[in-house]
């Protein structure tokens, strides 16, 4: 990677960090590992970390003065405002996001995805398949789906129905569209799903089914530390706000998403009760009924909708 990158960059890499001392070096090295024939800039938006993260990122800035720029903060902004100022500082035609505890796997990742966006102007965002690394319950497996196609296209409505992206670090956006996201979105806690829904209003979503990034779950992460049912409930409770911010554009799909989450939450609650009372036949019957209902309900709705 050329540390004398031009001021006007084809691509801005936005690294967002908060107390990522253990991981931030690997994240930055995975950027420097990239091979591109176009200029890039690396901006690190650190949200006033209290561990050794600031020292590490400033060492990288000193070592690569024409390439790495640290956006310091005098106080903790919170994840959403930190993203907002990071996006605002990006000058590239495209913006690739890398969260400070994730990393990229392939040296041609940026080149591959930028070329795709160059060749597909209808696409607002492109994302790659993810390697999920769980450090809480040690495990590692690919997310998303395998495909024989070189790429697949989806709509915002499909994303509203099922959050199939699930991670900022897998995405590259058109900068001009990122700038179109209204300030009101940043007034709330905005995870990748809401941001991607906001971007999807301006174009198609592209999926490259090649595993090119690693998404790390660890005990230090706010989302990672939640139990599965807490994650489901948190997502469900945010959807009405998402619908309001998106002005009802994806209301039917978001309502379907809520229904599905409610079923999952009920099933998990029943499973927990079953573990506490393993000999209760009524709980077992209810669990079986919920599973059958989950399979049958979409078919019934489809028939009634005809």
Protein backbone atom coordinates (compact mmCIF):
# COMPACT_ATOMS: atom_id res chain seq x y z
CA UNK A 1 0.00 0.00 0.00
CA UNK A 2 1.44 3.37 -1.05
CA UNK A 3 1.76 5.71 1.95
CA UNK A 4 2.02 8.71 -0.40
CA UNK A 5 -1.58 8.45 -1.60
CA UNK A 6 -2.97 11.43 -3.43
CA UNK A 7 -5.18 13.87 -1.56
CA UNK A 8 -8.07 13.18 -3.94
CA UNK A 9 -8.74 9.48 -3.30
CA UNK A 10 -10.77 6.95 -5.19
CA UNK A 11 -11.62 5.28 -1.90
CA UNK A 12 -11.87 6.37 1.72
CA UNK A 13 -11.44 3.64 4.33
CA UNK A 14 -13.21 4.65 7.52
CA UNK A 15 -12.04 2.78 10.62
CA UNK A 16 -14.34 3.26 13.62
CA UNK A 17 -12.84 2.36 16.98
CA UNK A 18 -13.61 2.41 20.68
CA UNK A 19 -11.47 0.50 23.19
CA UNK A 20 -10.17 -1.87 20.52
CA UNK A 21 -6.60 -2.06 21.81
CA UNK A 22 -6.54 -5.84 21.39
CA UNK A 23 -7.74 -5.76 17.77
CA UNK A 24 -7.04 -2.39 16.13
CA UNK A 25 -3.54 -3.31 14.90
CA UNK A 26 -4.86 -6.33 13.01
CA UNK A 27 -7.63 -4.20 11.51
CA UNK A 28 -5.23 -1.54 10.21
CA UNK A 29 -2.72 -4.10 8.95
CA UNK A 30 -5.49 -5.73 6.92
CA UNK A 31 -5.98 -2.38 5.15
CA UNK A 32 -2.27 -1.84 4.53
CA UNK A 33 -2.21 -5.40 3.13
CA UNK A 34 -4.53 -4.37 0.29
CA UNK A 35 -3.24 -4.12 -3.27
CA UNK A 36 -4.89 -1.41 -5.37
CA UNK A 37 -4.04 0.60 -8.47
CA UNK A 38 -5.99 3.63 -7.20
CA UNK A 39 -5.29 6.06 -4.35
CA UNK A 40 -6.94 5.58 -0.97
CA UNK A 41 -7.09 7.39 2.33
CA UNK A 42 -7.44 5.79 5.77
CA UNK A 43 -9.38 7.76 8.37
CA UNK A 44 -9.57 6.43 11.94
CA UNK A 45 -12.47 7.83 13.95
CA UNK A 46 -11.65 6.90 17.53
CA UNK A 47 -14.39 7.70 20.03
CA UNK A 48 -12.15 8.79 22.90
CA UNK A 49 -10.97 5.27 23.82
CA UNK A 50 -9.78 4.81 27.41
CA UNK A 51 -7.41 1.90 26.70
CA UNK A 52 -4.28 1.77 24.52
CA UNK A 53 -6.14 2.28 21.22
CA UNK A 54 -5.18 6.00 20.81
CA UNK A 55 -1.47 5.25 21.18
CA UNK A 56 -1.63 2.46 18.60
CA UNK A 57 -3.51 4.44 15.97
CA UNK A 58 -1.24 7.48 16.37
CA UNK A 59 1.79 5.25 15.80
CA UNK A 60 0.26 4.15 12.50
CA UNK A 61 -0.42 7.78 11.59
CA UNK A 62 3.20 8.70 12.30
CA UNK A 63 4.46 5.75 10.26
CA UNK A 64 2.15 6.47 7.27
CA UNK A 65 1.72 10.27 7.33
CA UNK A 66 0.33 10.58 3.79
CA UNK A 67 -2.08 7.70 4.16
CA UNK A 68 -3.43 7.44 7.72
CA UNK A 69 -5.29 10.27 9.43
CA UNK A 70 -6.65 10.03 12.97
CA UNK A 71 -9.84 11.91 13.82
CA UNK A 72 -9.37 12.65 17.51
CA UNK A 73 -12.26 13.31 19.87
CA UNK A 74 -12.24 15.43 23.02
CA UNK A 75 -15.11 13.45 24.48
CA UNK A 76 -17.15 10.32 23.87
CA UNK A 77 -19.60 10.93 21.02
CA UNK A 78 -21.34 7.57 20.95
CA UNK A 79 -21.30 5.15 18.04
CA UNK A 80 -23.78 7.01 15.82
CA UNK A 81 -22.24 10.48 16.10
CA UNK A 82 -18.80 8.94 15.66
CA UNK A 83 -19.93 7.43 12.36
CA UNK A 84 -21.47 10.74 11.32
CA UNK A 85 -18.25 12.72 11.73
CA UNK A 86 -16.26 9.91 10.14
CA UNK A 87 -18.46 9.83 7.04
CA UNK A 88 -18.31 13.63 6.82
CA UNK A 89 -14.50 13.55 6.79
CA UNK A 90 -14.29 11.06 3.88
CA UNK A 91 -13.31 12.58 0.52
CA UNK A 92 -13.21 9.46 -1.67
CA UNK A 93 -15.65 8.48 -4.39
CA UNK A 94 -16.38 5.35 -2.35
CA UNK A 95 -16.35 4.67 1.39
CA UNK A 96 -15.30 1.31 2.86
CA UNK A 97 -16.06 0.82 6.55
CA UNK A 98 -13.94 -1.29 8.89
CA UNK A 99 -14.89 -1.51 12.53
CA UNK A 100 -11.86 -1.57 14.81
CA UNK A 101 -12.40 -5.12 16.05
CA UNK A 102 -12.91 -6.63 12.56
CA UNK A 103 -10.45 -7.23 9.72
CA UNK A 104 -10.27 -8.03 6.01
CA UNK A 105 -9.02 -11.36 4.69
CA UNK A 106 -7.99 -10.88 1.04
CA UNK A 107 -5.42 -8.50 -0.42
CA UNK A 108 -7.64 -7.84 -3.45
CA UNK A 109 -10.83 -7.15 -1.49
CA UNK A 110 -10.89 -3.39 -2.06
CA UNK A 111 -9.83 -3.69 -5.71
CA UNK A 112 -12.52 -6.30 -6.39
CA UNK A 113 -15.36 -4.36 -4.78
CA UNK A 114 -14.40 -0.97 -6.20
CA UNK A 115 -14.20 -2.46 -9.68
CA UNK A 116 -17.67 -3.91 -9.17
CA UNK A 117 -19.12 -0.52 -8.21
CA UNK A 118 -17.39 1.10 -11.18
CA UNK A 119 -19.06 -1.41 -13.48
CA UNK A 120 -22.50 -1.30 -11.81
CA UNK A 121 -23.62 2.31 -11.36
CA UNK A 122 -27.11 1.15 -10.34
CA UNK A 123 -25.71 -0.23 -7.06
CA UNK A 124 -25.67 1.96 -3.94
CA UNK A 125 -23.71 -0.51 -1.82
CA UNK A 126 -21.81 -3.75 -2.29
CA UNK A 127 -21.08 -6.24 0.48
CA UNK A 128 -19.15 -9.49 0.67
CA UNK A 129 -19.75 -12.76 2.46
CA UNK A 130 -18.54 -12.71 6.07
CA UNK A 131 -16.49 -15.04 8.24
CA UNK A 132 -18.10 -14.92 11.67
CA UNK A 133 -15.65 -15.36 14.54
CA UNK A 134 -17.23 -15.90 17.96
CA UNK A 135 -14.74 -15.45 20.79
CA UNK A 136 -17.40 -15.73 23.51
CA UNK A 137 -18.35 -19.29 22.61
CA UNK A 138 -15.32 -20.15 20.45
CA UNK A 139 -16.61 -20.85 16.99
CA UNK A 140 -16.02 -19.79 13.39
CA UNK A 141 -18.27 -20.13 10.35
CA UNK A 142 -19.39 -18.18 7.23
CA UNK A 143 -22.48 -15.99 7.31
CA UNK A 144 -24.86 -15.18 4.44
CA UNK A 145 -25.35 -17.76 1.74
CA UNK A 146 -23.28 -19.70 -0.77
CA UNK A 147 -23.97 -18.95 -4.41
CA UNK A 148 -22.72 -20.13 -7.79
CA UNK A 149 -23.33 -16.66 -9.21
CA UNK A 150 -20.53 -14.05 -9.26
CA UNK A 151 -22.93 -11.59 -7.63
CA UNK A 152 -26.57 -11.18 -6.63
CA UNK A 153 -28.72 -8.04 -6.48
CA UNK A 154 -31.34 -7.23 -3.83
CA UNK A 155 -33.66 -4.37 -2.93
CA UNK A 156 -34.19 -2.36 0.21
CA UNK A 157 -37.56 -4.06 0.68
CA UNK A 158 -35.82 -7.44 0.83
CA UNK A 159 -33.29 -6.06 3.32
CA UNK A 160 -36.15 -4.72 5.49
CA UNK A 161 -37.71 -8.17 5.56
CA UNK A 162 -34.44 -9.90 6.44
CA UNK A 163 -31.23 -8.19 7.56
CA UNK A 164 -28.91 -10.27 5.39
CA UNK A 165 -25.91 -7.90 5.52
CA UNK A 166 -25.45 -7.68 9.27
CA UNK A 167 -22.06 -5.94 9.51
CA UNK A 168 -20.59 -2.58 8.47
CA UNK A 169 -17.14 -4.05 7.78
CA UNK A 170 -18.46 -6.04 4.80
CA UNK A 171 -19.72 -2.95 2.97
CA UNK A 172 -18.50 -0.35 0.50
CA UNK A 173 -20.75 2.63 -0.28
CA UNK A 174 -20.97 5.38 -2.88
CA UNK A 175 -19.86 8.46 -0.98
CA UNK A 176 -22.38 10.80 -2.65
CA UNK A 177 -25.20 8.59 -1.37
CA UNK A 178 -23.78 8.45 2.16
CA UNK A 179 -23.84 12.25 2.16
CA UNK A 180 -27.55 12.10 1.29
CA UNK A 181 -28.47 10.33 4.54
CA UNK A 182 -30.41 12.92 6.51
CA UNK A 183 -28.99 14.25 9.81
CA UNK A 184 -32.10 13.02 11.68
CA UNK A 185 -30.88 9.44 11.28
CA UNK A 186 -27.81 10.27 13.37
CA UNK A 187 -29.96 11.55 16.23
CA UNK A 188 -30.68 7.93 17.19
CA UNK A 189 -28.61 4.82 17.83
CA UNK A 190 -28.05 3.65 14.28
CA UNK A 191 -26.78 0.14 13.67
CA UNK A 192 -25.68 -1.11 10.25
CA UNK A 193 -29.19 -2.36 9.38
CA UNK A 194 -30.82 1.07 9.63
CA UNK A 195 -27.96 2.74 7.77
CA UNK A 196 -28.12 0.19 4.97
CA UNK A 197 -31.89 0.63 4.73
CA UNK A 198 -31.37 4.38 4.43
CA UNK A 199 -28.79 3.89 1.66
CA UNK A 200 -30.93 1.30 -0.15
CA UNK A 201 -33.51 3.99 -0.97
CA UNK A 202 -31.01 5.37 -3.49
CA UNK A 203 -30.02 2.20 -5.35
CA UNK A 204 -29.64 -1.56 -5.53
CA UNK A 205 -27.77 -3.73 -3.00
CA UNK A 206 -25.09 -6.03 -4.43
CA UNK A 207 -23.78 -9.20 -2.79
CA UNK A 208 -20.44 -10.81 -3.68
CA UNK A 209 -20.56 -14.37 -2.29
CA UNK A 210 -16.83 -14.56 -1.66
CA UNK A 211 -15.66 -14.54 1.97
CA UNK A 212 -13.49 -11.43 2.26
CA UNK A 213 -13.98 -10.03 5.76
CA UNK A 214 -14.03 -11.26 9.36
CA UNK A 215 -16.71 -10.14 11.81
CA UNK A 216 -15.57 -10.66 15.38
CA UNK A 217 -17.90 -11.14 18.36
CA UNK A 218 -16.26 -10.72 21.76
CA UNK A 219 -17.19 -9.98 25.36
CA UNK A 220 -16.08 -6.35 25.06
CA UNK A 221 -18.65 -5.56 22.39
CA UNK A 222 -21.97 -3.99 23.42
CA UNK A 223 -23.94 -6.13 20.96
CA UNK A 224 -21.81 -9.24 21.47
CA UNK A 225 -22.38 -9.21 25.22
CA UNK A 226 -26.16 -9.51 24.81
CA UNK A 227 -27.97 -12.83 25.10
CA UNK A 228 -29.70 -14.01 21.91
CA UNK A 229 -33.19 -13.18 23.19
CA UNK A 230 -31.97 -9.70 24.21
CA UNK A 231 -30.69 -9.12 20.68
CA UNK A 232 -34.02 -10.21 19.22
CA UNK A 233 -36.00 -7.99 21.58
CA UNK A 234 -33.71 -5.01 21.02
CA UNK A 235 -34.05 -5.35 17.24
CA UNK A 236 -37.84 -5.71 17.46
CA UNK A 237 -38.18 -2.67 19.71
CA UNK A 238 -36.14 -0.50 17.31
CA UNK A 239 -38.20 -1.34 14.21
CA UNK A 240 -41.03 1.18 14.85
CA UNK A 241 -38.40 3.93 15.06
CA UNK A 242 -36.77 2.66 11.88
CA UNK A 243 -40.11 2.70 10.12
CA UNK A 244 -40.70 6.29 11.24
CA UNK A 245 -37.25 7.46 10.10
CA UNK A 246 -37.73 5.74 6.74
CA UNK A 247 -41.15 7.39 6.43
CA UNK A 248 -42.93 4.09 5.95
CA UNK A 249 -41.12 3.19 2.73
CA UNK A 250 -40.60 -0.40 3.91
CA UNK A 251 -43.52 -0.63 6.36
CA UNK A 252 -44.99 -3.97 5.13
CA UNK A 253 -41.60 -5.70 5.19
CA UNK A 254 -40.69 -4.27 8.62
CA UNK A 255 -44.04 -5.41 10.03
CA UNK A 256 -43.34 -8.91 8.71
CA UNK A 257 -39.93 -8.73 10.36
CA UNK A 258 -41.56 -7.87 13.69
CA UNK A 259 -43.93 -10.83 13.38
CA UNK A 260 -41.04 -13.19 12.73
CA UNK A 261 -39.04 -11.81 15.67
CA UNK A 262 -42.03 -12.18 17.99
CA UNK A 263 -42.31 -15.84 17.04
CA UNK A 264 -38.57 -16.38 17.63
CA UNK A 265 -38.76 -14.63 21.01
CA UNK A 266 -41.76 -16.75 22.05
CA UNK A 267 -39.97 -19.92 20.98
CA UNK A 268 -36.85 -18.99 22.96
CA UNK A 269 -38.89 -18.15 26.05
CA UNK A 270 -40.68 -21.47 25.80
CA UNK A 271 -37.38 -23.31 25.40
CA UNK A 272 -36.06 -21.62 28.53
CA UNK A 273 -39.19 -22.59 30.45
CA UNK A 274 -38.84 -26.13 29.10
CA UNK A 275 -35.30 -26.33 30.48
CA UNK A 276 -36.56 -25.26 33.91
CA UNK A 277 -39.54 -27.63 33.77
CA UNK A 278 -38.51 -30.54 31.51
CA UNK A 279 -41.43 -32.78 32.51
CA UNK A 280 -44.21 -30.29 31.75
CA UNK A 281 -46.18 -31.79 28.81
CA UNK A 282 -48.08 -28.55 28.14
CA UNK A 283 -44.86 -26.66 27.45
CA UNK A 284 -43.70 -29.35 25.03
CA UNK A 285 -47.04 -29.21 23.20
CA UNK A 286 -46.84 -25.42 22.98
CA UNK A 287 -43.32 -25.57 21.54
CA UNK A 288 -44.44 -28.05 18.89
CA UNK A 289 -47.48 -25.88 18.08
CA UNK A 290 -45.29 -22.76 17.66
CA UNK A 291 -42.95 -24.59 15.29
CA UNK A 292 -45.85 -25.83 13.17
CA UNK A 293 -47.45 -22.38 13.15
CA UNK A 294 -44.18 -20.81 11.97
CA UNK A 295 -44.14 -23.10 8.93
CA UNK A 296 -47.85 -22.91 8.12
CA UNK A 297 -48.61 -19.21 8.72
CA UNK A 298 -46.77 -17.85 5.62
CA UNK A 299 -48.60 -20.38 3.42
CA UNK A 300 -51.97 -19.36 4.88
CA UNK A 301 -51.22 -15.69 4.34
CA UNK A 302 -50.17 -16.37 0.76
CA UNK A 303 -53.41 -18.25 0.06
CA UNK A 304 -55.58 -15.53 1.65
CA UNK A 305 -53.70 -12.86 -0.26
CA UNK A 306 -54.61 -14.36 -3.64
